[in-house]
Structures are given as C-alpha cells and as structure tokens.
N, C-alpha and C. Protein backbone atom coordinates (compact mmCIF):
# COMPACT_ATOMS: atom_id res chain seq x y z
N MET A 1 -10.64 -50.95 55.21
CA MET A 1 -9.62 -50.46 54.30
C MET A 1 -8.26 -51.00 54.73
N SER A 2 -7.51 -51.47 53.79
CA SER A 2 -6.20 -52.05 54.08
C SER A 2 -5.12 -50.99 53.93
N ASP A 3 -4.18 -51.00 54.86
CA ASP A 3 -3.06 -50.06 54.79
C ASP A 3 -1.90 -50.61 53.96
N LYS A 4 -2.02 -51.86 53.52
CA LYS A 4 -0.95 -52.49 52.76
C LYS A 4 -0.99 -52.02 51.31
N VAL A 5 0.13 -51.52 50.84
CA VAL A 5 0.25 -51.01 49.48
C VAL A 5 0.92 -52.07 48.62
N ASP A 6 0.39 -52.31 47.43
CA ASP A 6 0.99 -53.27 46.50
C ASP A 6 2.17 -52.61 45.81
N LEU A 7 3.38 -52.93 46.27
CA LEU A 7 4.59 -52.31 45.72
C LEU A 7 4.93 -52.83 44.33
N ARG A 8 4.34 -53.97 43.95
CA ARG A 8 4.63 -54.55 42.64
C ARG A 8 3.49 -54.32 41.65
N LYS A 9 2.69 -53.31 41.88
CA LYS A 9 1.52 -53.04 41.02
C LYS A 9 1.91 -52.98 39.54
N TYR A 10 2.94 -52.27 39.23
CA TYR A 10 3.36 -52.12 37.83
C TYR A 10 4.42 -53.15 37.44
N SER A 11 5.30 -53.51 38.36
CA SER A 11 6.33 -54.50 38.07
C SER A 11 5.70 -55.83 37.67
N SER A 12 4.61 -56.21 38.34
CA SER A 12 3.97 -57.49 38.04
C SER A 12 3.42 -57.52 36.62
N GLN A 13 3.04 -56.40 36.07
CA GLN A 13 2.53 -56.35 34.69
C GLN A 13 3.64 -56.64 33.68
N VAL A 14 4.87 -56.46 34.09
CA VAL A 14 6.00 -56.66 33.18
C VAL A 14 6.55 -58.08 33.25
N VAL A 15 6.52 -58.72 34.43
CA VAL A 15 7.21 -60.00 34.58
C VAL A 15 6.34 -61.18 35.02
N ASP A 16 5.10 -60.96 35.41
CA ASP A 16 4.27 -62.08 35.89
C ASP A 16 3.44 -62.68 34.75
N GLY A 17 3.30 -64.00 34.77
CA GLY A 17 2.47 -64.69 33.80
C GLY A 17 3.28 -65.35 32.69
N VAL A 18 2.63 -66.33 32.06
CA VAL A 18 3.27 -67.10 30.99
C VAL A 18 3.64 -66.20 29.81
N GLU A 19 2.77 -65.26 29.50
CA GLU A 19 3.02 -64.40 28.34
C GLU A 19 4.19 -63.45 28.54
N ARG A 20 4.70 -63.34 29.75
CA ARG A 20 5.84 -62.45 30.04
C ARG A 20 7.17 -63.21 30.12
N ALA A 21 7.18 -64.46 29.70
CA ALA A 21 8.41 -65.28 29.76
C ALA A 21 9.58 -64.66 28.99
N PRO A 22 9.36 -64.10 27.79
CA PRO A 22 10.49 -63.49 27.09
C PRO A 22 11.14 -62.35 27.87
N GLY A 23 10.34 -61.53 28.51
CA GLY A 23 10.88 -60.43 29.32
C GLY A 23 11.66 -60.94 30.52
N ARG A 24 11.12 -61.98 31.17
CA ARG A 24 11.83 -62.57 32.32
C ARG A 24 13.15 -63.18 31.88
N SER A 25 13.17 -63.81 30.71
CA SER A 25 14.42 -64.44 30.27
C SER A 25 15.50 -63.39 30.00
N MET A 26 15.09 -62.24 29.48
CA MET A 26 16.06 -61.16 29.25
C MET A 26 16.60 -60.64 30.58
N LEU A 27 15.72 -60.49 31.56
CA LEU A 27 16.17 -60.02 32.87
C LEU A 27 17.05 -61.05 33.56
N ARG A 28 16.74 -62.33 33.39
CA ARG A 28 17.61 -63.38 33.96
C ARG A 28 18.99 -63.35 33.31
N ALA A 29 19.03 -63.03 32.03
CA ALA A 29 20.31 -62.97 31.32
C ALA A 29 21.23 -61.88 31.86
N VAL A 30 20.65 -60.84 32.46
CA VAL A 30 21.47 -59.78 33.04
C VAL A 30 21.64 -59.94 34.54
N GLY A 31 21.21 -61.11 35.09
CA GLY A 31 21.52 -61.42 36.48
C GLY A 31 20.38 -61.44 37.47
N PHE A 32 19.15 -61.24 37.04
CA PHE A 32 18.02 -61.30 37.98
C PHE A 32 17.85 -62.72 38.52
N THR A 33 17.47 -62.82 39.79
CA THR A 33 17.18 -64.11 40.42
C THR A 33 15.69 -64.18 40.73
N ASP A 34 15.23 -65.34 41.21
CA ASP A 34 13.82 -65.48 41.60
C ASP A 34 13.46 -64.46 42.68
N GLU A 35 14.36 -64.21 43.59
CA GLU A 35 14.11 -63.23 44.66
C GLU A 35 13.95 -61.82 44.09
N ASP A 36 14.70 -61.49 43.05
CA ASP A 36 14.60 -60.17 42.44
C ASP A 36 13.22 -59.92 41.84
N PHE A 37 12.60 -60.97 41.30
CA PHE A 37 11.28 -60.81 40.69
C PHE A 37 10.19 -60.58 41.74
N LYS A 38 10.47 -60.86 42.99
CA LYS A 38 9.50 -60.62 44.07
C LYS A 38 9.56 -59.19 44.58
N LYS A 39 10.56 -58.44 44.15
CA LYS A 39 10.75 -57.06 44.60
C LYS A 39 10.16 -56.09 43.57
N PRO A 40 9.80 -54.88 44.01
CA PRO A 40 9.38 -53.87 43.04
C PRO A 40 10.56 -53.47 42.16
N GLN A 41 10.29 -53.15 40.92
CA GLN A 41 11.35 -52.75 39.99
C GLN A 41 11.16 -51.30 39.60
N ILE A 42 12.26 -50.62 39.43
CA ILE A 42 12.25 -49.22 39.02
C ILE A 42 12.99 -49.12 37.70
N GLY A 43 12.39 -48.49 36.73
CA GLY A 43 13.00 -48.35 35.42
C GLY A 43 13.60 -46.97 35.22
N ILE A 44 14.71 -46.93 34.53
CA ILE A 44 15.35 -45.66 34.17
C ILE A 44 15.46 -45.66 32.65
N ALA A 45 14.89 -44.66 32.02
CA ALA A 45 14.88 -44.60 30.56
C ALA A 45 15.98 -43.67 30.05
N SER A 46 16.58 -44.10 28.96
CA SER A 46 17.58 -43.29 28.28
C SER A 46 17.41 -43.49 26.79
N THR A 47 17.63 -42.47 26.02
CA THR A 47 17.48 -42.61 24.57
C THR A 47 18.72 -43.23 23.92
N TRP A 48 19.80 -43.30 24.65
CA TRP A 48 21.01 -43.88 24.09
C TRP A 48 21.90 -44.41 25.20
N ALA A 49 22.43 -45.60 25.02
CA ALA A 49 23.38 -46.17 25.97
C ALA A 49 24.03 -47.39 25.35
N MET A 50 25.24 -47.68 25.76
CA MET A 50 25.93 -48.88 25.29
C MET A 50 25.99 -49.94 26.38
N VAL A 51 25.23 -49.78 27.46
CA VAL A 51 25.32 -50.71 28.58
C VAL A 51 24.20 -51.73 28.62
N THR A 52 23.23 -51.67 27.71
CA THR A 52 22.13 -52.63 27.75
C THR A 52 22.34 -53.73 26.73
N PRO A 53 22.02 -54.96 27.10
CA PRO A 53 22.12 -56.05 26.14
C PRO A 53 20.88 -56.06 25.25
N CYS A 54 21.00 -55.68 24.04
CA CYS A 54 19.87 -55.67 23.10
C CYS A 54 19.02 -54.42 23.30
N ASN A 55 17.73 -54.54 23.13
CA ASN A 55 16.83 -53.38 23.17
C ASN A 55 15.85 -53.48 24.33
N MET A 56 16.37 -53.61 25.53
CA MET A 56 15.53 -53.80 26.71
C MET A 56 14.58 -52.67 26.92
C-alpha cells in the first residue's frame, strides 16, 4: 500500500488532456503558469461576482 496521496485527483480532470485545452486557455488568461497546473487547485463557488472573466 502506498502512502502517497494524489493531490491532483480532481484538478487533473479539469485541466489535463487535449480535450481540456479551452479550460487551460481560460486559466492562462487569468495568469496561470505551467507550474500552477502541476499544483492541486481549489475552487470557490459563488452565485454572483464581478471579478471573473466570463463564466468560469
């Protein structure tokens, strides 16, 4: 049994792979770098805000 936990279990479903290119391009537009995509991501949901570019 491995003690290593996959910290990107859910993040990888959002940004990894060719089919996720549109999502990655939106994140790059708000400042994500290649190094950021290697880190786990945490999402915060809000029903209304004026701080997001488009409908992320």
